Amino acid sequence: MTPIIIVTGFAPFGGERINPSWEVARELDGDVIGGLKVKSVRLPVSCRAAARRVATAIVRYRPRAVLGLGQARGRPALSIERIAINLFQNGNEGRLDARHEGEPVIDGAPDAYFSRLPLGAILTAMEKRKVPAAISLSAGAFACNAAMYSALHALRRRPNRPAGFIHLPFEAAQSVRDPLVPSMPVAMMRDGIHAAIVAIARDALSRSDQQRRAAS
């Protein structure tokens, strides 16, 4: 059986009709990339609900790797996130709700997790595809961060399983209402994420080989 990489994307929010993270994830669903089969999972734009759905998907599909995708208005490039924190601010249609500030994504869990994606290899792969990309420090404190944190927490006892998150710009059509907001065609974002999955697959399969050799 072909090992799986879960790729998550979010539903539209903030009055938008689409969310590029789900458009990219949906288009890759079922593809075999670098030896990993993509299983796309759509997440609600809610911190706790997104965290639960990620954890449930990991139990169900037993992936070799997990890559979360999310929309980040105003970013001009694909942003490969480095850190997820155990803190969330819930919101409604993109508006933060102060009543939920300072609550943990998962009670009693560590304050933060570092991404387990091969960040440098992903950045290099995207640059070779001529896709604008950068490494970002933090996934924030909203649903995207919650999804990233949940994946890393669920895989905390499986250190050979890469997991992390990439933020995407607006899709080009979303900037029609506000031309000053940076955007990117879905096709370019898909190419960048395809390149990222190839790099993740190499890393995941290499870790598995090392584990097998160590056990033999």
Protein backbone atom coordinates (compact mmCIF):
# COMPACT_ATOMS: atom_id res chain seq x y z
CA MET A 1 0.00 0.00 0.00
CA THR A 2 1.28 3.45 -0.93
CA PRO A 3 2.08 5.53 2.17
CA ILE A 4 -0.07 8.61 2.67
CA ILE A 5 0.63 12.28 3.14
CA ILE A 6 -2.30 14.20 4.58
CA VAL A 7 -2.68 17.66 3.03
CA THR A 8 -5.16 19.90 4.82
CA GLY A 9 -6.85 23.04 3.54
CA PHE A 10 -9.47 25.37 4.98
CA ALA A 11 -12.99 26.31 4.01
CA PRO A 12 -13.57 29.89 2.78
CA PHE A 13 -14.01 32.57 5.44
CA GLY A 14 -14.14 36.34 5.85
CA GLY A 15 -16.70 36.72 3.07
CA GLU A 16 -14.49 35.03 0.46
CA ARG A 17 -15.98 32.50 -1.94
CA ILE A 18 -12.86 30.38 -2.11
CA ASN A 19 -9.88 29.55 0.05
CA PRO A 20 -6.73 28.87 -2.00
CA SER A 21 -5.49 26.39 0.60
CA TRP A 22 -8.42 24.08 -0.08
CA GLU A 23 -8.31 24.69 -3.84
CA VAL A 24 -4.70 23.51 -3.92
CA ALA A 25 -5.29 20.58 -1.53
CA ARG A 26 -8.38 19.47 -3.45
CA GLU A 27 -6.57 19.51 -6.79
CA LEU A 28 -3.76 17.33 -5.40
CA ASP A 29 -6.07 14.80 -3.74
CA GLY A 30 -5.30 11.25 -4.89
CA ASP A 31 -2.03 12.14 -6.63
CA VAL A 32 1.07 10.08 -5.87
CA ILE A 33 3.96 12.51 -5.40
CA GLY A 34 7.46 11.34 -4.55
CA GLY A 35 6.09 7.97 -3.45
CA LEU A 36 3.41 9.40 -1.14
CA LYS A 37 -0.31 9.41 -1.94
CA VAL A 38 -2.09 12.67 -1.16
CA LYS A 39 -5.17 12.48 1.04
CA SER A 40 -6.76 15.92 1.22
CA VAL A 41 -8.77 16.91 4.30
CA ARG A 42 -10.95 20.05 4.48
CA LEU A 43 -10.88 21.89 7.79
CA PRO A 44 -13.37 24.31 9.36
CA VAL A 45 -12.15 27.79 10.22
CA SER A 46 -12.33 27.19 13.96
CA CYS A 47 -9.32 26.56 16.17
CA ARG A 48 -10.63 23.72 18.28
CA ALA A 49 -12.66 22.10 15.47
CA ALA A 50 -9.70 22.25 13.06
CA ALA A 51 -7.39 20.74 15.69
CA ARG A 52 -9.83 17.88 16.32
CA ARG A 53 -10.27 17.13 12.63
CA VAL A 54 -6.51 17.00 12.05
CA ALA A 55 -6.03 14.62 14.98
CA THR A 56 -8.90 12.43 13.78
CA ALA A 57 -7.49 12.28 10.24
CA ILE A 58 -4.08 11.20 11.56
CA VAL A 59 -5.67 8.35 13.51
CA ARG A 60 -7.77 7.31 10.53
CA TYR A 61 -5.19 7.47 7.72
CA ARG A 62 -1.94 6.77 9.62
CA PRO A 63 0.07 9.09 7.35
CA ARG A 64 3.77 9.05 6.70
CA ALA A 65 3.68 12.89 6.72
CA VAL A 66 1.27 15.79 7.28
CA LEU A 67 1.28 19.12 5.45
CA GLY A 68 -1.16 21.83 6.47
CA LEU A 69 -2.11 24.67 4.13
CA GLY A 70 -3.85 27.92 4.98
CA GLN A 71 -4.70 31.34 3.54
CA ALA A 72 -2.79 34.42 4.72
CA ARG A 73 -4.15 37.71 3.37
CA GLY A 74 -1.40 40.16 2.54
CA ARG A 75 1.46 37.70 2.13
CA PRO A 76 3.16 37.87 -1.28
CA ALA A 77 4.81 34.43 -1.13
CA LEU A 78 4.28 30.90 0.13
CA SER A 79 5.29 31.02 3.80
CA ILE A 80 6.82 27.89 5.31
CA GLU A 81 6.07 28.11 9.03
CA ARG A 82 8.68 27.26 11.65
CA ILE A 83 6.77 27.26 14.99
CA ALA A 84 3.25 26.39 16.23
CA ILE A 85 2.19 27.57 19.68
CA ASN A 86 -0.27 26.09 22.17
CA LEU A 87 -2.46 29.19 22.15
CA PHE A 88 -5.50 30.18 20.18
CA GLN A 89 -7.70 33.16 19.55
CA ASN A 90 -10.96 32.02 18.06
CA GLY A 91 -12.89 34.16 15.64
CA ASN A 92 -15.87 34.52 13.36
CA GLU A 93 -15.23 35.09 9.67
CA GLY A 94 -11.67 36.15 10.38
CA ARG A 95 -12.47 38.50 13.28
CA LEU A 96 -10.72 37.61 16.52
CA ASP A 97 -12.96 36.98 19.49
CA ALA A 98 -11.42 38.41 22.68
CA ARG A 99 -13.49 36.04 24.82
CA HIS A 100 -11.24 33.18 23.69
CA GLU A 101 -7.83 34.85 23.93
CA GLY A 102 -5.17 32.93 25.77
CA GLU A 103 -6.75 29.46 25.66
CA PRO A 104 -4.58 26.43 24.83
CA VAL A 105 -5.14 24.46 21.65
CA ILE A 106 -4.61 21.28 23.71
CA ASP A 107 -4.84 21.38 27.50
CA GLY A 108 -1.68 20.28 29.30
CA ALA A 109 0.40 20.03 26.12
CA PRO A 110 3.78 21.75 25.53
CA ASP A 111 3.90 25.49 24.89
CA ALA A 112 5.14 25.08 21.32
CA TYR A 113 6.40 22.66 18.67
CA PHE A 114 8.90 23.27 15.90
CA SER A 115 8.00 22.22 12.38
CA ARG A 116 9.35 18.82 11.38
CA LEU A 117 9.36 19.66 7.68
CA PRO A 118 12.67 19.93 5.80
CA LEU A 119 12.36 23.71 5.58
CA GLY A 120 15.53 24.41 3.61
CA ALA A 121 14.85 21.64 1.10
CA ILE A 122 11.29 22.88 0.57
CA LEU A 123 12.45 26.47 0.07
CA THR A 124 15.08 25.36 -2.45
CA ALA A 125 12.56 23.19 -4.32
CA MET A 126 10.09 26.08 -4.59
CA GLU A 127 12.77 28.48 -5.75
CA LYS A 128 13.76 26.03 -8.49
CA ARG A 129 10.13 26.09 -9.67
CA LYS A 130 10.25 29.91 -9.67
CA VAL A 131 7.56 30.04 -6.97
CA PRO A 132 7.96 32.95 -4.52
CA ALA A 133 8.56 31.46 -1.07
CA ALA A 134 10.02 32.30 2.32
CA ILE A 135 10.46 30.76 5.76
CA SER A 136 8.20 32.37 8.38
CA LEU A 137 8.72 32.23 12.14
CA SER A 138 5.19 31.62 13.42
CA ALA A 139 1.88 30.27 12.17
CA GLY A 140 0.06 32.88 14.29
CA ALA A 141 -2.65 32.11 16.85
CA PHE A 142 -5.73 31.29 14.79
CA ALA A 143 -7.00 28.15 13.07
CA CYS A 144 -3.90 27.63 10.91
CA ASN A 145 -1.68 27.54 13.97
CA ALA A 146 -4.14 25.20 15.71
CA ALA A 147 -4.03 22.78 12.77
CA MET A 148 -0.23 22.80 12.71
CA TYR A 149 0.04 22.38 16.47
CA SER A 150 -2.47 19.53 16.51
CA ALA A 151 -0.60 17.61 13.81
CA LEU A 152 2.73 17.96 15.58
CA HIS A 153 1.19 16.97 18.91
CA ALA A 154 -0.55 13.93 17.42
CA LEU A 155 2.76 12.78 15.92
CA ARG A 156 4.93 13.65 18.94
CA ARG A 157 5.80 9.98 19.56
CA ARG A 158 6.63 9.41 15.88
CA PRO A 159 9.66 11.65 15.31
CA ASN A 160 10.31 10.11 11.89
CA ARG A 161 7.02 11.55 10.52
CA PRO A 162 7.46 15.04 9.00
CA ALA A 163 4.70 17.53 9.79
CA GLY A 164 4.25 21.26 9.38
CA PHE A 165 2.40 24.09 7.71
CA ILE A 166 2.60 26.46 4.74
CA HIS A 167 0.59 29.68 4.35
CA LEU A 168 -0.57 30.69 0.86
CA PRO A 169 -1.32 34.15 -0.57
CA PHE A 170 -4.72 35.14 -1.89
CA GLU A 171 -5.70 33.57 -5.20
CA ALA A 172 -5.55 36.10 -8.04
CA ALA A 173 -9.35 36.38 -8.37
CA GLN A 174 -9.65 37.32 -4.68
CA SER A 175 -7.69 40.52 -5.27
CA VAL A 176 -10.22 41.91 -7.74
CA ARG A 177 -11.99 43.71 -4.89
CA ASP A 178 -8.69 45.01 -3.51
CA PRO A 179 -5.89 45.15 -6.11
CA LEU A 180 -3.34 46.19 -3.47
CA VAL A 181 -3.56 42.79 -1.74
CA PRO A 182 -0.78 40.46 -3.00
CA SER A 183 -2.02 37.40 -4.85
CA MET A 184 -0.84 34.41 -6.85
CA PRO A 185 -2.48 32.06 -9.39
CA VAL A 186 -3.67 28.75 -7.95
CA ALA A 187 -1.60 26.92 -10.58
CA MET A 188 1.60 28.52 -9.27
CA MET A 189 0.70 27.75 -5.67
CA ARG A 190 -0.08 24.14 -6.65
CA ASP A 191 3.33 23.85 -8.33
CA GLY A 192 4.99 25.14 -5.18
CA ILE A 193 3.14 22.70 -2.93
CA HIS A 194 3.86 19.83 -5.35
CA ALA A 195 7.56 20.68 -5.03
CA ALA A 196 7.21 20.83 -1.25
CA ILE A 197 5.62 17.38 -1.15
CA VAL A 198 8.47 15.93 -3.21
CA ALA A 199 10.95 17.31 -0.66
CA ILE A 200 8.81 16.06 2.25
CA ALA A 201 8.51 12.60 0.67
CA ARG A 202 12.28 12.31 0.30
CA ASP A 203 12.72 13.31 3.93
CA ALA A 204 10.00 10.97 5.19
CA LEU A 205 11.21 7.95 3.24
CA SER A 206 14.83 8.66 4.25
CA ARG A 207 13.80 8.73 7.92
CA SER A 208 11.97 5.43 7.51
CA ASP A 209 15.03 3.83 5.89
CA GLN A 210 17.25 5.04 8.72
CA GLN A 211 14.81 3.64 11.29
CA ARG A 212 14.76 0.26 9.57
CA ARG A 213 18.55 0.11 9.42
CA ALA A 214 18.80 1.05 13.09
CA ALA A 215 16.34 -1.71 14.02
CA SER A 216 18.09 -4.41 11.96
